[in-house]
Amino acid sequence: MNISIITVGKLKEKYLKQGIAEYIKRLGSYAKVEVIELPDEKAPEELSEIEKNQVKQKEGERILAKIGQDTHVIALAINGKQRSSEELADNLDKLATYGKSKIAFIIGGSLGLSEEVLKRADEQLSFSKMTFPHQLMRLILIEQIYRAFRINRGEPYHK
């Protein structure tokens, strides 16, 4: 399985980079995982709704350019479906069973994802109704992907 994590914004914190690198290394025996970092659109703090949509649209164009036609897209969105770790594992297992070997998880910028990206997504996933920093979300997501593979293989992992 080939898993891409397409994310807007640069990861700055060293401890997060180390955690992500550790999980990518652990995932090496289960899947090929790559993190694709796209630049965020520079914008002032105060934006009108039109300006917010313009920022999301520009970021969305960059995201869509990285997604292949045969890729199953899972967008992280606050209004997406919440799943347990076991449900995520089951979903990934079913995708593999039905020949979906390319999966892209999308983490948008600070304003969220454009309508075009949400329409392209095959599913939307929410980790919580709470808002998390996008940089931390990368680590949480990759840990859950690792946990899913461990669950699917019946291998022990802390609860």
Protein backbone atom coordinates (compact mmCIF):
# COMPACT_ATOMS: atom_id res chain seq x y z
CA MET A 1 0.00 0.00 0.00
CA ASN A 2 1.20 3.50 -0.87
CA ILE A 3 0.07 6.18 1.55
CA SER A 4 0.57 9.89 0.97
CA ILE A 5 -0.07 12.51 3.57
CA ILE A 6 -0.59 15.76 1.68
CA THR A 7 -0.41 18.70 4.00
CA VAL A 8 -0.42 22.48 3.74
CA GLY A 9 2.23 24.37 5.70
CA LYS A 10 5.76 23.73 6.82
CA LEU A 11 6.56 21.66 9.88
CA LYS A 12 8.89 23.65 12.13
CA GLU A 13 8.95 21.91 15.49
CA LYS A 14 11.86 19.49 15.82
CA TYR A 15 10.06 17.17 18.25
CA LEU A 16 7.16 16.72 15.81
CA LYS A 17 9.57 16.04 12.94
CA GLN A 18 11.28 13.39 15.08
CA GLY A 19 7.98 11.74 16.03
CA ILE A 20 6.78 11.64 12.43
CA ALA A 21 10.12 10.25 11.24
CA GLU A 22 9.91 7.51 13.87
CA TYR A 23 6.42 6.42 12.77
CA ILE A 24 7.38 6.53 9.08
CA LYS A 25 10.30 4.25 9.92
CA ARG A 26 8.00 1.87 11.84
CA LEU A 27 5.50 1.87 8.98
CA GLY A 28 8.20 0.82 6.54
CA SER A 29 7.41 -2.88 6.93
CA TYR A 30 3.69 -2.29 6.28
CA ALA A 31 3.44 0.40 3.61
CA LYS A 32 5.30 3.05 1.67
CA VAL A 33 4.49 6.37 3.31
CA GLU A 34 5.40 9.81 2.07
CA VAL A 35 4.60 13.23 3.46
CA ILE A 36 4.06 15.89 0.82
CA GLU A 37 4.40 19.37 2.29
CA LEU A 38 2.82 22.17 0.27
CA PRO A 39 3.34 25.88 0.94
CA ASP A 40 0.52 27.71 2.63
CA GLU A 41 -0.89 30.81 1.01
CA LYS A 42 0.40 33.98 2.65
CA ALA A 43 -2.46 36.10 3.94
CA PRO A 44 -3.08 38.75 6.60
CA GLU A 45 -4.70 37.79 9.91
CA GLU A 46 -8.01 39.53 9.14
CA LEU A 47 -9.68 38.21 6.00
CA SER A 48 -13.11 38.61 4.48
CA GLU A 49 -15.06 35.46 3.53
CA ILE A 50 -14.15 36.03 -0.11
CA GLU A 51 -10.46 36.32 0.74
CA LYS A 52 -10.63 33.17 2.91
CA ASN A 53 -12.16 31.26 0.01
CA GLN A 54 -9.47 32.56 -2.33
CA VAL A 55 -6.75 31.31 0.03
CA LYS A 56 -8.42 27.89 0.34
CA GLN A 57 -8.85 27.72 -3.43
CA LYS A 58 -5.15 28.40 -4.12
CA GLU A 59 -4.08 25.85 -1.50
CA GLY A 60 -6.67 23.43 -2.90
CA GLU A 61 -5.21 23.71 -6.40
CA ARG A 62 -1.79 22.73 -5.03
CA ILE A 63 -3.33 19.77 -3.19
CA LEU A 64 -5.30 18.52 -6.19
CA ALA A 65 -2.18 18.68 -8.37
CA LYS A 66 -0.59 16.03 -6.10
CA ILE A 67 -3.46 13.52 -6.26
CA GLY A 68 -3.52 10.80 -8.91
CA GLN A 69 -6.71 9.67 -10.63
CA ASP A 70 -6.49 6.20 -9.07
CA THR A 71 -5.91 7.50 -5.54
CA HIS A 72 -8.46 7.02 -2.77
CA VAL A 73 -8.66 10.38 -0.99
CA ILE A 74 -9.43 10.80 2.71
CA ALA A 75 -9.76 14.46 3.69
CA LEU A 76 -9.39 15.41 7.32
CA ALA A 77 -12.32 17.68 8.04
CA ILE A 78 -14.00 18.69 11.27
CA ASN A 79 -17.40 17.68 9.84
CA GLY A 80 -16.12 14.32 8.62
CA LYS A 81 -16.99 10.92 10.05
CA GLN A 82 -15.46 10.10 13.40
CA ARG A 83 -14.00 6.59 13.64
CA SER A 84 -12.40 4.55 16.34
CA SER A 85 -8.88 3.22 15.75
CA GLU A 86 -10.40 -0.19 15.02
CA GLU A 87 -12.82 1.32 12.48
CA LEU A 88 -9.97 3.15 10.74
CA ALA A 89 -8.02 -0.11 10.63
CA ASP A 90 -11.02 -1.93 9.17
CA ASN A 91 -11.50 0.80 6.56
CA LEU A 92 -7.84 0.62 5.46
CA ASP A 93 -8.07 -3.18 5.32
CA LYS A 94 -11.18 -3.02 3.13
CA LEU A 95 -9.54 -0.51 0.80
CA ALA A 96 -6.57 -2.84 0.36
CA THR A 97 -8.86 -5.84 -0.17
CA TYR A 98 -10.73 -4.04 -2.95
CA GLY A 99 -7.57 -2.97 -4.77
CA LYS A 100 -7.16 0.57 -3.50
CA SER A 101 -3.39 0.53 -3.08
CA LYS A 102 -2.92 4.31 -3.28
CA ILE A 103 -4.39 6.34 -0.45
CA ALA A 104 -3.93 10.04 0.21
CA PHE A 105 -4.80 11.68 3.50
CA ILE A 106 -5.28 15.44 3.14
CA ILE A 107 -4.60 17.97 5.90
CA GLY A 108 -5.56 21.49 4.82
CA GLY A 109 -4.20 24.83 5.90
CA SER A 110 -5.34 26.90 8.85
CA LEU A 111 -8.55 27.91 7.03
CA GLY A 112 -9.47 24.36 6.09
CA LEU A 113 -9.99 22.73 2.70
CA SER A 114 -11.52 24.15 -0.46
CA GLU A 115 -14.84 22.86 -1.76
CA GLU A 116 -13.00 21.35 -4.73
CA VAL A 117 -10.79 19.25 -2.47
CA LEU A 118 -13.76 18.15 -0.37
CA LYS A 119 -15.62 17.14 -3.55
CA ARG A 120 -12.61 15.15 -4.78
CA ALA A 121 -12.37 13.32 -1.45
CA ASP A 122 -13.81 9.82 -1.36
CA GLU A 123 -14.43 10.27 2.34
CA GLN A 124 -14.00 12.81 5.09
CA LEU A 125 -12.49 11.87 8.43
CA SER A 126 -12.70 13.81 11.68
CA PHE A 127 -10.51 13.05 14.66
CA SER A 128 -12.57 15.25 16.96
CA LYS A 129 -14.87 18.24 17.06
CA MET A 130 -11.93 20.02 18.67
CA THR A 131 -9.42 21.99 16.62
CA PHE A 132 -5.81 20.76 16.63
CA PRO A 133 -2.70 22.52 15.31
CA HIS A 134 -2.08 21.24 11.79
CA GLN A 135 1.49 20.29 12.65
CA LEU A 136 0.36 18.15 15.59
CA MET A 137 -2.38 16.59 13.45
CA ARG A 138 0.29 15.12 11.18
CA LEU A 139 1.79 13.22 14.09
CA ILE A 140 -1.61 12.07 15.37
CA LEU A 141 -2.63 10.89 11.89
CA ILE A 142 0.55 8.97 11.20
CA GLU A 143 0.40 7.32 14.62
CA GLN A 144 -3.18 6.20 13.89
CA ILE A 145 -2.14 4.80 10.50
CA TYR A 146 0.61 2.83 12.24
CA ARG A 147 -1.86 1.65 14.90
CA ALA A 148 -4.27 0.56 12.13
CA PHE A 149 -1.64 -1.67 10.52
CA ARG A 150 -0.78 -3.20 13.90
CA ILE A 151 -4.46 -3.88 14.59
CA ASN A 152 -4.95 -5.45 11.15
CA ARG A 153 -1.97 -7.75 11.65
CA GLY A 154 -3.11 -8.75 15.13
CA GLU A 155 0.10 -7.37 16.59
CA PRO A 156 0.18 -5.95 20.10
CA TYR A 157 0.08 -2.22 20.59
CA HIS A 158 -0.60 -0.20 23.71
CA LYS A 159 -4.15 1.00 24.33
